[in-house]
Amino acid sequence: MMTSPPAPPPPVTERVTRSLEEIQPPATVVIHNDDVNSMDHVVNALLQSVPELSIEDSARIMLTAHEHGEADVIRCPFERAELYRDRLDAHGLTSTILRE
């Protein structure tokens, strides 16, 4: 009786783990000062648009934009930055995204 040769071992698969930054590069949302929106409106728009921000963060960002013409709002994955920019724009704020 002939025996068949042993089965070859299963192929070795290598799992590659990538960070979120490798999959979705980070970006920074920036708001720009304007002469239209009140300071209170800007703080409220920031709070409603970017859930990670506290009242203190929102007030600091608003003051920085008021004094320097622009302010970084948040650094996050690009897709989320697009969402936050769109939300800020819906509140009448001027915002942009800087890719890293």
C-alpha atoms as a PDB file:
ATOM      1  CA  MET A   1       0.000   0.000   0.000  1.00  0.00           C
ATOM      2  CA  MET A   2       1.404   3.376  -1.023  1.00  0.00           C
ATOM      3  CA  THR A   3       1.174   6.345   1.201  1.00  0.00           C
ATOM      4  CA  SER A   4       0.833   9.757  -0.226  1.00  0.00           C
ATOM      5  CA  PRO A   5       3.505  12.315   0.527  1.00  0.00           C
ATOM      6  CA  PRO A   6       2.790  14.637   3.431  1.00  0.00           C
ATOM      7  CA  ALA A   7       0.763  17.723   2.591  1.00  0.00           C
ATOM      8  CA  PRO A   8       2.796  20.879   2.229  1.00  0.00           C
ATOM      9  CA  PRO A   9       2.562  23.291   5.154  1.00  0.00           C
ATOM     10  CA  PRO A  10       0.022  26.091   4.774  1.00  0.00           C
ATOM     11  CA  PRO A  11       1.415  29.295   3.290  1.00  0.00           C
ATOM     12  CA  VAL A  12       2.745  31.771   5.776  1.00  0.00           C
ATOM     13  CA  THR A  13       0.771  34.965   5.737  1.00  0.00           C
ATOM     14  CA  GLU A  14       2.240  38.045   7.195  1.00  0.00           C
ATOM     15  CA  ARG A  15      -0.050  40.528   8.843  1.00  0.00           C
ATOM     16  CA  VAL A  16       0.973  44.101   8.276  1.00  0.00           C
ATOM     17  CA  THR A  17      -0.266  46.515  10.845  1.00  0.00           C
ATOM     18  CA  ARG A  18      -0.518  50.121   9.764  1.00  0.00           C
ATOM     19  CA  SER A  19      -1.363  53.093  11.888  1.00  0.00           C
ATOM     20  CA  LEU A  20      -4.335  55.329  11.207  1.00  0.00           C
ATOM     21  CA  GLU A  21      -1.915  58.056  10.096  1.00  0.00           C
ATOM     22  CA  GLU A  22      -0.510  55.728   7.430  1.00  0.00           C
ATOM     23  CA  ILE A  23      -3.973  54.815   6.183  1.00  0.00           C
ATOM     24  CA  GLN A  24      -5.440  58.285   6.430  1.00  0.00           C
ATOM     25  CA  PRO A  25      -2.836  61.052   6.676  1.00  0.00           C
ATOM     26  CA  PRO A  26      -3.486  63.732   9.288  1.00  0.00           C
ATOM     27  CA  ALA A  27      -4.710  67.198   8.469  1.00  0.00           C
ATOM     28  CA  THR A  28      -5.311  70.386  10.425  1.00  0.00           C
ATOM     29  CA  VAL A  29      -8.574  72.328  10.297  1.00  0.00           C
ATOM     30  CA  VAL A  30      -7.961  76.092  10.386  1.00  0.00           C
ATOM     31  CA  ILE A  31     -10.533  78.847  10.925  1.00  0.00           C
ATOM     32  CA  HIS A  32     -10.022  82.346   9.569  1.00  0.00           C
ATOM     33  CA  ASN A  33     -11.085  85.595  11.178  1.00  0.00           C
ATOM     34  CA  ASP A  34     -13.828  87.641   9.543  1.00  0.00           C
ATOM     35  CA  ASP A  35     -15.736  90.833  10.262  1.00  0.00           C
ATOM     36  CA  VAL A  36     -19.138  89.143  10.023  1.00  0.00           C
ATOM     37  CA  ASN A  37     -19.481  86.591  12.825  1.00  0.00           C
ATOM     38  CA  SER A  38     -19.632  87.567  16.486  1.00  0.00           C
ATOM     39  CA  MET A  39     -17.219  86.022  18.957  1.00  0.00           C
ATOM     40  CA  ASP A  40     -20.084  84.189  20.683  1.00  0.00           C
ATOM     41  CA  HIS A  41     -21.240  82.753  17.361  1.00  0.00           C
ATOM     42  CA  VAL A  42     -17.736  81.484  16.571  1.00  0.00           C
ATOM     43  CA  VAL A  43     -17.406  79.767  19.977  1.00  0.00           C
ATOM     44  CA  ASN A  44     -20.840  78.146  19.604  1.00  0.00           C
ATOM     45  CA  ALA A  45     -20.112  77.062  16.029  1.00  0.00           C
ATOM     46  CA  LEU A  46     -16.854  75.454  17.150  1.00  0.00           C
ATOM     47  CA  LEU A  47     -18.608  73.624  19.991  1.00  0.00           C
ATOM     48  CA  GLN A  48     -21.350  72.320  17.693  1.00  0.00           C
ATOM     49  CA  SER A  49     -19.003  71.403  14.846  1.00  0.00           C
ATOM     50  CA  VAL A  50     -16.089  69.736  16.641  1.00  0.00           C
ATOM     51  CA  PRO A  51     -17.236  67.535  19.533  1.00  0.00           C
ATOM     52  CA  GLU A  52     -13.702  67.094  20.903  1.00  0.00           C
ATOM     53  CA  LEU A  53     -13.510  70.790  21.857  1.00  0.00           C
ATOM     54  CA  SER A  54     -14.358  72.175  25.283  1.00  0.00           C
ATOM     55  CA  ILE A  55     -15.758  75.648  25.870  1.00  0.00           C
ATOM     56  CA  GLU A  56     -12.285  76.767  26.934  1.00  0.00           C
ATOM     57  CA  ASP A  57     -10.709  75.301  23.785  1.00  0.00           C
ATOM     58  CA  SER A  58     -13.313  76.987  21.586  1.00  0.00           C
ATOM     59  CA  ALA A  59     -12.824  80.370  23.280  1.00  0.00           C
ATOM     60  CA  ARG A  60      -9.032  80.109  22.949  1.00  0.00           C
ATOM     61  CA  ILE A  61      -9.289  79.175  19.252  1.00  0.00           C
ATOM     62  CA  MET A  62     -11.714  82.054  18.606  1.00  0.00           C
ATOM     63  CA  LEU A  63      -9.397  84.563  20.314  1.00  0.00           C
ATOM     64  CA  THR A  64      -6.362  83.300  18.419  1.00  0.00           C
ATOM     65  CA  ALA A  65      -8.209  83.691  15.110  1.00  0.00           C
ATOM     66  CA  HIS A  66      -9.417  87.151  16.151  1.00  0.00           C
ATOM     67  CA  GLU A  67      -5.924  88.337  17.126  1.00  0.00           C
ATOM     68  CA  HIS A  68      -3.827  86.581  14.463  1.00  0.00           C
ATOM     69  CA  GLY A  69      -6.220  86.165  11.532  1.00  0.00           C
ATOM     70  CA  GLU A  70      -6.423  82.375  11.770  1.00  0.00           C
ATOM     71  CA  ALA A  71      -6.225  79.539  14.272  1.00  0.00           C
ATOM     72  CA  ASP A  72      -5.723  75.798  14.225  1.00  0.00           C
ATOM     73  CA  VAL A  73      -8.899  74.057  15.368  1.00  0.00           C
ATOM     74  CA  ILE A  74      -7.951  70.374  15.416  1.00  0.00           C
ATOM     75  CA  ARG A  75      -5.490  67.886  13.939  1.00  0.00           C
ATOM     76  CA  CYS A  76      -7.208  64.684  12.840  1.00  0.00           C
ATOM     77  CA  PRO A  77      -7.490  62.240   9.928  1.00  0.00           C
ATOM     78  CA  PHE A  78      -8.213  64.029   6.641  1.00  0.00           C
ATOM     79  CA  GLU A  79     -11.695  62.568   6.167  1.00  0.00           C
ATOM     80  CA  ARG A  80     -12.799  63.792   9.607  1.00  0.00           C
ATOM     81  CA  ALA A  81     -11.174  67.180   8.889  1.00  0.00           C
ATOM     82  CA  GLU A  82     -13.412  67.471   5.823  1.00  0.00           C
ATOM     83  CA  LEU A  83     -16.472  66.807   7.992  1.00  0.00           C
ATOM     84  CA  TYR A  84     -15.458  69.461  10.533  1.00  0.00           C
ATOM     85  CA  ARG A  85     -14.669  72.002   7.802  1.00  0.00           C
ATOM     86  CA  ASP A  86     -18.072  71.405   6.232  1.00  0.00           C
ATOM     87  CA  ARG A  87     -19.800  71.832   9.602  1.00  0.00           C
ATOM     88  CA  LEU A  88     -17.929  75.081  10.286  1.00  0.00           C
ATOM     89  CA  ASP A  89     -18.772  76.363   6.810  1.00  0.00           C
ATOM     90  CA  ALA A  90     -22.454  75.559   7.466  1.00  0.00           C
ATOM     91  CA  HIS A  91     -22.253  77.931  10.452  1.00  0.00           C
ATOM     92  CA  GLY A  92     -20.928  80.683   8.201  1.00  0.00           C
ATOM     93  CA  LEU A  93     -17.284  80.411   9.296  1.00  0.00           C
ATOM     94  CA  THR A  94     -14.418  80.413   6.845  1.00  0.00           C
ATOM     95  CA  SER A  95     -12.234  77.370   7.346  1.00  0.00           C
ATOM     96  CA  THR A  96      -9.606  75.459   5.447  1.00  0.00           C
ATOM     97  CA  ILE A  97      -7.728  72.171   5.732  1.00  0.00           C
ATOM     98  CA  LEU A  98      -3.947  71.892   5.754  1.00  0.00           C
ATOM     99  CA  ARG A  99      -2.646  68.482   4.703  1.00  0.00           C
ATOM    100  CA  GLU A 100       0.530  67.305   6.330  1.00  0.00           C
END
